Structures are given as C-alpha cells and as structure tokens.
Amino acid sequence: MNDMTPPLKSPRILVVGDVMLDRYWFGDVSRISPEAPVPVVRVERREERLGGAANVARNAVALGARAGLLGVVGKDEAGNVVENLLTELHINSFLNRDAAISTIIKLRVIGRQQQLLRIDFEAPPSDTVLRDKLTQYNALVPDYDVIVLSDYAKGSLVNVAQMIEAGRRLGKCILVDPKGEDFARYKGASILTPNKSELRHIVGSWKSEDELTAKAQNLRASLDLEALLLTRSEEGMTLYTADDVLHTPTVAREVYDVSGAGDTVIATLAVMLGAGKPLPEAVAIANRAGGIVVGKLGTATVTKEELFG
C-alpha cells in the first residue's frame, strides 16, 4: 500500500531537451470575422510560461527539487523571457544561446476558456551549439541525482545516445520522455515514459492486454531498460519491469487540458525516485500528479500540498 507521504530529501534533477516558451493570449469572442468563417478574438490578457523541457524543470522545482536545465534557445526576445522565467523560479540555467535560430514558441489563443488556435515557431539548433551542449552535459552530470531527457523531436537531443551512455557510466538514474520513429537511440536508459500513441508508433497496434504486455516487455528488454512506464490517459499507467507488470488506474477527475501532462508525470517520477521512493510508489504519485494537472489550463504544475495534502 502506498502511503503517499512527501519525500524528506530534496533531490537534484538535471533536465535536458527541447526548451520552449508557451505563450497564451486570452480574449473575448463575440463575433465571427467578416473575412472568413472564423471567430474574432479580442485579446485582453497575455501569459508566458516555460514549455517543453523547461516545463519539466518547472514541475520539478514546484515539488521541492533543485533543478538544472540544459537546452538551446535563440539570441532573441523569447530566449530572454525564458532566461528570466528560469531565474524567477530558481532553476539553474545552462542554456546555450544560438544566434542562428529563433527560440521555439508555442502560441495558444484562448477564447471563453477554449483553445481556438495554436501557432508554432521552431527551427533546429546548429551543429556547433549541439557539440558545445554535449560537452557541457558531460561536465554537469556528476552533480545531479536524476537525469531527465525530454525529447520533443525539435533537434536538441540528437546526441541522446551519448548522453545516456555518459549517465549510465556514472550510475545515474536516467528517465526519457521519448519521441520519433526510432527508440533504439534510448537504449540503456533507466526508464522510458511513452504514451499510447508513441508506443503504438514503435511496436504496432495491439488487440488485447496480453498482446500489449508482450510487445511492451519485448521493447523494454531489447532497449536494456530497467522499466517502461506506459501512460494511458484515462486508463491510468502501466509499469513494465523484468519481474512484474503493475497497473495504476487513473485518478478520476474532470479532464480540462492535457497539454504538459507528460512533463508533470516524468518530473514527479524523477523527484520521487531522486528522493529515494521505491519505483511502484513513485509511479503511483506521478499518476496522481498527472490526474491533478489535467484539471488545469495549459502547461501547469502540481504542488506538494496538492499531492500530499
């Protein structure tokens, strides 16, 4: 039985991956445009939040961890905003500023509490900056308890195989939120946290729970993982290890917005494992955190008070 007690230790979490700025424009919708059959949003309020890998770090500090963030942003206004937000939240910034690219921005237009439109601005980082980042990663890894590799397939983690190898040599716990066509590059990580669509993309579809278990366990073994944690939205989560299959049902609550839920889950898992919680208990707490955050608008965080009362 999981007692859901808060951790005593404040672990050190290094988050590496695709750093983004989430911008929200909130407004009133009262008419349809005469130019096209689309709503006209009169913007009344704007918000800026850390997104992507930066949202993972944000979630980690919200739970009391000490977090560092390694990633790439542009030498632009949005990159300055990201740096300022990291400073405000006391996240150690190890950002590389790449003059050749623009900072990744996801702009969401919200009317009447509904997302009407999302506009993405993105470009992959340059080879020189990625080489510098790998060198910096190798210097930082010894100082952290848990490494989280947050892959949004935007180009910041092309060296992920070398990063996993370096972390493994030092005996670090390495969690990966995976993306893309090829999971072989994540071989040797401690735990992978795909969602259903990401897993289906790699192993194909399944018709039964037994077939899913067989495919998930084959993938876990072939990638030399300690565990594979499948996040299943309304179906909860399933943890696959060499010894067991542990299913954690979803925490029943209204789903308002799923954006950033995977960030919250992997950040919570990292903090709990870094604080010494056993894996099954860490998964149960991460599942609870994911259930709380989907009840909030946009990329959000969960506090220790919300998790543990």
Protein backbone atom coordinates (compact mmCIF):
# COMPACT_ATOMS: atom_id res chain seq x y z
CA MET A 1 0.00 0.00 0.00
CA ASN A 2 1.42 3.40 -0.98
CA ASP A 3 1.32 5.87 1.91
CA MET A 4 1.74 8.91 -0.38
CA THR A 5 3.96 10.65 2.18
CA PRO A 6 6.02 13.59 0.92
CA PRO A 7 9.73 12.93 0.39
CA LEU A 8 12.20 14.19 3.01
CA LYS A 9 15.12 14.64 0.63
CA SER A 10 15.36 17.47 -1.93
CA PRO A 11 16.90 15.74 -4.97
CA ARG A 12 18.95 17.36 -7.72
CA ILE A 13 17.35 16.90 -11.15
CA LEU A 14 19.07 17.76 -14.45
CA VAL A 15 16.60 18.26 -17.29
CA VAL A 16 17.97 18.17 -20.84
CA GLY A 17 16.00 18.64 -24.04
CA ASP A 18 13.87 20.86 -26.22
CA VAL A 19 13.25 24.17 -24.44
CA MET A 20 10.18 26.16 -25.44
CA LEU A 21 8.26 29.26 -24.48
CA ASP A 22 4.50 28.79 -24.15
CA ARG A 23 2.58 31.99 -24.86
CA TYR A 24 -1.11 32.32 -24.10
CA TRP A 25 -3.36 35.06 -25.47
CA PHE A 26 -6.69 35.17 -23.66
CA GLY A 27 -9.59 37.12 -25.07
CA ASP A 28 -13.29 37.54 -25.60
CA VAL A 29 -15.09 36.02 -28.59
CA SER A 30 -18.24 37.88 -29.52
CA ARG A 31 -18.43 37.73 -33.30
CA ILE A 32 -17.39 35.92 -36.48
CA SER A 33 -14.94 37.58 -38.85
CA PRO A 34 -16.49 39.12 -41.99
CA GLU A 35 -13.36 37.99 -43.88
CA ALA A 36 -13.66 34.25 -43.18
CA PRO A 37 -15.84 31.92 -41.03
CA VAL A 38 -13.55 32.19 -38.00
CA PRO A 39 -14.06 33.75 -34.56
CA VAL A 40 -12.61 37.16 -33.81
CA VAL A 41 -10.70 37.14 -30.51
CA ARG A 42 -10.16 40.48 -28.81
CA VAL A 43 -7.02 39.83 -26.73
CA GLU A 44 -7.39 41.04 -23.15
CA ARG A 45 -4.59 39.24 -21.33
CA ARG A 46 -1.28 37.57 -22.15
CA GLU A 47 0.69 34.96 -20.21
CA GLU A 48 4.10 33.40 -20.73
CA ARG A 49 5.11 30.04 -19.28
CA LEU A 50 8.04 27.67 -19.61
CA GLY A 51 7.32 24.86 -22.07
CA GLY A 52 8.84 21.58 -23.25
CA ALA A 53 11.89 20.53 -21.23
CA ALA A 54 11.67 23.83 -19.31
CA ASN A 55 8.19 22.82 -18.11
CA VAL A 56 9.67 19.57 -16.75
CA ALA A 57 12.19 21.61 -14.72
CA ARG A 58 9.38 23.93 -13.59
CA ASN A 59 7.37 20.94 -12.35
CA ALA A 60 10.41 19.54 -10.53
CA VAL A 61 11.04 22.75 -8.55
CA ALA A 62 7.31 23.02 -7.73
CA LEU A 63 7.76 19.71 -5.89
CA GLY A 64 10.77 20.94 -3.95
CA ALA A 65 13.63 19.64 -6.10
CA ARG A 66 16.71 21.58 -7.12
CA ALA A 67 16.65 21.60 -10.91
CA GLY A 68 19.07 22.49 -13.67
CA LEU A 69 18.04 22.95 -17.30
CA LEU A 70 20.32 22.31 -20.27
CA GLY A 71 18.98 23.27 -23.69
CA VAL A 72 19.12 25.66 -26.61
CA VAL A 73 17.26 28.92 -27.22
CA GLY A 74 17.76 31.72 -29.70
CA LYS A 75 19.53 35.02 -29.08
CA ASP A 76 16.18 36.75 -29.18
CA GLU A 77 13.44 38.30 -27.05
CA ALA A 78 11.77 34.96 -26.39
CA GLY A 79 15.08 33.48 -25.23
CA ASN A 80 15.44 36.38 -22.79
CA VAL A 81 11.93 35.67 -21.46
CA VAL A 82 12.85 32.00 -20.90
CA GLU A 83 16.02 33.02 -19.01
CA ASN A 84 14.04 35.46 -16.84
CA LEU A 85 11.37 32.85 -16.02
CA LEU A 86 14.08 30.34 -15.03
CA THR A 87 15.67 32.94 -12.73
CA GLU A 88 12.31 33.72 -11.10
CA LEU A 89 11.73 30.02 -10.38
CA HIS A 90 15.31 29.42 -9.12
CA ILE A 91 16.03 26.90 -11.86
CA ASN A 92 19.75 26.72 -12.68
CA SER A 93 20.02 27.79 -16.31
CA PHE A 94 22.58 26.14 -18.57
CA LEU A 95 21.01 27.40 -21.78
CA ASN A 96 23.02 27.72 -24.96
CA ARG A 97 22.05 30.83 -26.96
CA ASP A 98 22.13 30.05 -30.69
CA ALA A 99 22.15 33.16 -32.91
CA ALA A 100 21.28 31.03 -35.95
CA ILE A 101 17.81 30.05 -34.69
CA SER A 102 14.72 31.51 -33.06
CA THR A 103 13.53 30.25 -29.68
CA ILE A 104 10.77 27.65 -30.04
CA ILE A 105 7.44 29.30 -29.27
CA LYS A 106 4.00 27.73 -28.98
CA LEU A 107 1.40 30.49 -29.12
CA ARG A 108 -2.08 29.47 -27.97
CA VAL A 109 -5.11 31.69 -28.50
CA ILE A 110 -7.77 31.08 -25.85
CA GLY A 111 -11.36 32.33 -26.11
CA ARG A 112 -14.01 31.54 -23.49
CA GLN A 113 -11.56 29.14 -21.82
CA GLN A 114 -11.27 27.09 -25.02
CA GLN A 115 -8.12 26.82 -27.13
CA LEU A 116 -9.06 28.18 -30.56
CA LEU A 117 -5.67 28.09 -32.28
CA ARG A 118 -2.05 27.13 -31.71
CA ILE A 119 0.80 28.62 -33.74
CA ASP A 120 4.28 27.04 -33.55
CA PHE A 121 7.57 28.80 -34.31
CA GLU A 122 10.57 26.46 -34.41
CA ALA A 123 13.93 25.71 -36.03
CA PRO A 124 16.54 23.02 -35.17
CA PRO A 125 19.73 24.16 -33.37
CA SER A 126 23.08 24.35 -35.20
CA ASP A 127 25.71 21.57 -35.05
CA THR A 128 28.24 23.77 -33.23
CA VAL A 129 25.83 24.57 -30.41
CA LEU A 130 24.85 20.88 -30.08
CA ARG A 131 28.53 19.88 -29.74
CA ASP A 132 29.02 22.51 -27.01
CA LYS A 133 25.90 21.26 -25.27
CA LEU A 134 27.17 17.66 -25.15
CA THR A 135 30.46 18.83 -23.60
CA GLN A 136 28.53 20.86 -21.04
CA TYR A 137 26.25 17.88 -20.28
CA ASN A 138 29.24 15.65 -19.53
CA ALA A 139 30.55 18.26 -17.07
CA LEU A 140 27.17 18.67 -15.32
CA VAL A 141 26.02 15.05 -14.93
CA PRO A 142 28.16 14.17 -11.86
CA ASP A 143 26.45 16.92 -9.82
CA TYR A 144 22.88 15.56 -10.23
CA ASP A 145 20.92 12.61 -8.81
CA VAL A 146 18.49 12.04 -11.69
CA ILE A 147 18.74 12.95 -15.38
CA VAL A 148 15.56 13.64 -17.38
CA LEU A 149 15.89 13.68 -21.18
CA SER A 150 12.82 15.48 -22.54
CA ASP A 151 12.58 14.78 -26.26
CA TYR A 152 10.05 16.77 -28.27
CA ALA A 153 11.75 15.89 -31.59
CA LYS A 154 12.84 19.51 -32.15
CA GLY A 155 16.54 18.72 -32.60
CA SER A 156 18.09 19.35 -29.18
CA LEU A 157 18.63 15.67 -28.36
CA VAL A 158 20.45 14.39 -31.44
CA ASN A 159 23.23 13.25 -29.06
CA VAL A 160 20.86 11.39 -26.75
CA ALA A 161 22.67 8.03 -27.11
CA GLN A 162 25.95 9.56 -25.92
CA MET A 163 24.13 11.32 -23.08
CA ILE A 164 22.58 8.07 -21.87
CA GLU A 165 25.93 6.28 -22.10
CA ALA A 166 27.68 9.01 -20.08
CA GLY A 167 24.98 8.98 -17.41
CA ARG A 168 24.98 5.22 -17.19
CA ARG A 169 28.77 5.13 -16.69
CA LEU A 170 28.25 7.30 -13.60
CA GLY A 171 25.40 5.13 -12.32
CA LYS A 172 22.76 7.84 -12.73
CA CYS A 173 19.02 7.24 -12.94
CA ILE A 174 18.08 8.34 -16.49
CA LEU A 175 14.45 8.97 -17.40
CA VAL A 176 13.45 9.60 -21.03
CA ASP A 177 10.24 11.06 -22.45
CA PRO A 178 10.64 9.65 -25.99
CA LYS A 179 9.58 10.80 -29.44
CA GLY A 180 10.05 9.79 -33.06
CA GLU A 181 10.42 6.73 -35.24
CA ASP A 182 13.42 5.11 -33.56
CA PHE A 183 13.59 4.25 -29.86
CA ALA A 184 16.92 2.37 -30.33
CA ARG A 185 18.77 5.61 -29.52
CA TYR A 186 17.32 5.44 -25.98
CA LYS A 187 18.97 2.07 -25.31
CA GLY A 188 20.38 1.79 -21.80
CA ALA A 189 18.17 4.42 -20.17
CA SER A 190 16.66 3.57 -16.79
CA ILE A 191 13.01 4.29 -17.61
CA LEU A 192 11.14 5.31 -20.77
CA THR A 193 7.74 7.03 -20.41
CA PRO A 194 5.91 6.81 -23.78
CA ASN A 195 2.19 7.43 -24.17
CA LYS A 196 -0.04 5.03 -26.08
CA SER A 197 0.31 6.68 -29.48
CA GLU A 198 4.12 6.91 -29.13
CA LEU A 199 4.36 3.23 -28.20
CA ARG A 200 1.98 2.17 -30.97
CA HIS A 201 4.19 4.00 -33.44
CA ILE A 202 7.12 1.78 -32.43
CA VAL A 203 5.59 -1.65 -31.73
CA GLY A 204 2.38 -1.54 -33.77
CA SER A 205 -1.18 -1.89 -32.53
CA TRP A 206 -2.47 -4.48 -30.08
CA LYS A 207 -5.80 -6.23 -29.68
CA SER A 208 -5.57 -7.35 -26.06
CA GLU A 209 -3.85 -6.55 -22.80
CA ASP A 210 -1.74 -9.71 -23.13
CA GLU A 211 -0.53 -8.63 -26.58
CA LEU A 212 0.29 -5.15 -25.27
CA THR A 213 2.24 -6.66 -22.37
CA ALA A 214 4.23 -8.91 -24.71
CA LYS A 215 5.11 -6.02 -27.03
CA ALA A 216 5.99 -3.66 -24.19
CA GLN A 217 8.17 -6.26 -22.45
CA ASN A 218 9.96 -7.12 -25.71
CA LEU A 219 10.71 -3.44 -26.26
CA ARG A 220 11.88 -2.99 -22.66
CA ALA A 221 14.23 -5.98 -22.92
CA SER A 222 15.58 -5.02 -26.37
CA LEU A 223 16.40 -1.49 -25.16
CA ASP A 224 18.00 -2.76 -21.94
CA LEU A 225 15.67 -0.64 -19.78
CA GLU A 226 15.04 -1.12 -16.08
CA ALA A 227 11.41 -0.24 -16.69
CA LEU A 228 8.97 1.04 -19.27
CA LEU A 229 6.15 3.25 -17.97
CA LEU A 230 3.24 3.48 -20.39
CA THR A 231 0.99 6.49 -19.78
CA ARG A 232 -2.54 5.66 -20.92
CA SER A 233 -4.55 8.86 -20.26
CA GLU A 234 -7.98 7.82 -18.95
CA GLU A 235 -6.72 4.24 -18.47
CA GLY A 236 -4.03 5.26 -15.99
CA MET A 237 -0.48 3.91 -16.27
CA THR A 238 1.20 0.55 -16.62
CA LEU A 239 4.73 -0.13 -15.38
CA TYR A 240 6.63 -2.96 -17.08
CA THR A 241 9.73 -4.35 -15.34
CA ALA A 242 11.63 -7.62 -15.66
CA ASP A 243 9.78 -9.01 -12.65
CA ASP A 244 6.30 -7.56 -12.88
CA VAL A 245 3.53 -5.65 -14.65
CA LEU A 246 1.94 -3.07 -12.38
CA HIS A 247 -1.19 -1.21 -13.49
CA THR A 248 -2.19 2.01 -11.74
CA PRO A 249 -5.73 3.15 -12.59
CA THR A 250 -6.37 6.79 -13.35
CA VAL A 251 -7.34 9.17 -10.57
CA ALA A 252 -10.93 10.04 -11.50
CA ARG A 253 -11.34 13.76 -12.15
CA GLU A 254 -12.50 16.06 -14.92
CA VAL A 255 -10.03 16.47 -17.78
CA TYR A 256 -9.69 20.12 -18.75
CA ASP A 257 -6.40 20.33 -20.67
CA VAL A 258 -3.86 17.54 -21.30
CA SER A 259 -1.04 19.83 -22.54
CA GLY A 260 2.06 19.33 -20.42
CA ALA A 261 0.67 16.33 -18.51
CA GLY A 262 3.56 14.13 -19.65
CA ASP A 263 6.01 16.76 -18.36
CA THR A 264 4.35 16.66 -14.94
CA VAL A 265 4.41 12.85 -14.84
CA ILE A 266 8.11 12.47 -15.69
CA ALA A 267 9.11 15.37 -13.41
CA THR A 268 7.19 13.87 -10.48
CA LEU A 269 8.67 10.43 -11.15
CA ALA A 270 12.18 11.93 -11.23
CA VAL A 271 11.70 13.86 -7.98
CA MET A 272 10.25 10.87 -6.12
CA LEU A 273 12.96 8.46 -7.33
CA GLY A 274 15.65 11.05 -6.54
CA ALA A 275 14.22 11.36 -3.04
CA GLY A 276 14.52 7.61 -2.51
CA LYS A 277 10.94 6.43 -3.08
CA PRO A 278 10.59 2.87 -4.44
CA LEU A 279 9.58 2.75 -8.11
CA PRO A 280 5.98 1.49 -7.62
CA GLU A 281 5.28 4.26 -5.09
CA ALA A 282 6.93 6.88 -7.31
CA VAL A 283 4.69 5.76 -10.20
CA ALA A 284 1.55 5.97 -8.05
CA ILE A 285 2.45 9.53 -7.01
CA ALA A 286 3.28 10.51 -10.62
CA ASN A 287 -0.09 9.11 -11.71
CA ARG A 288 -1.81 11.22 -9.09
CA ALA A 289 0.10 14.33 -10.22
CA GLY A 290 -0.92 13.74 -13.84
CA GLY A 291 -4.54 13.45 -12.74
CA ILE A 292 -4.35 16.80 -10.97
CA VAL A 293 -2.61 18.74 -13.74
CA VAL A 294 -5.08 17.81 -16.49
CA GLY A 295 -7.69 19.72 -14.50
CA LYS A 296 -5.75 22.96 -15.11
CA LEU A 297 -5.48 25.16 -18.18
CA GLY A 298 -2.30 24.93 -20.24
CA THR A 299 1.14 23.83 -19.12
CA ALA A 300 0.75 23.82 -15.34
CA THR A 301 2.41 22.42 -12.22
CA VAL A 302 1.36 20.45 -9.15
CA THR A 303 2.43 21.45 -5.65
CA LYS A 304 3.43 19.21 -2.77
CA GLU A 305 0.33 20.40 -0.92
CA GLU A 306 -1.93 19.26 -3.76
CA LEU A 307 -0.18 15.89 -3.95
CA PHE A 308 0.15 15.05 -0.29
CA GLY A 309 -2.48 17.24 1.39
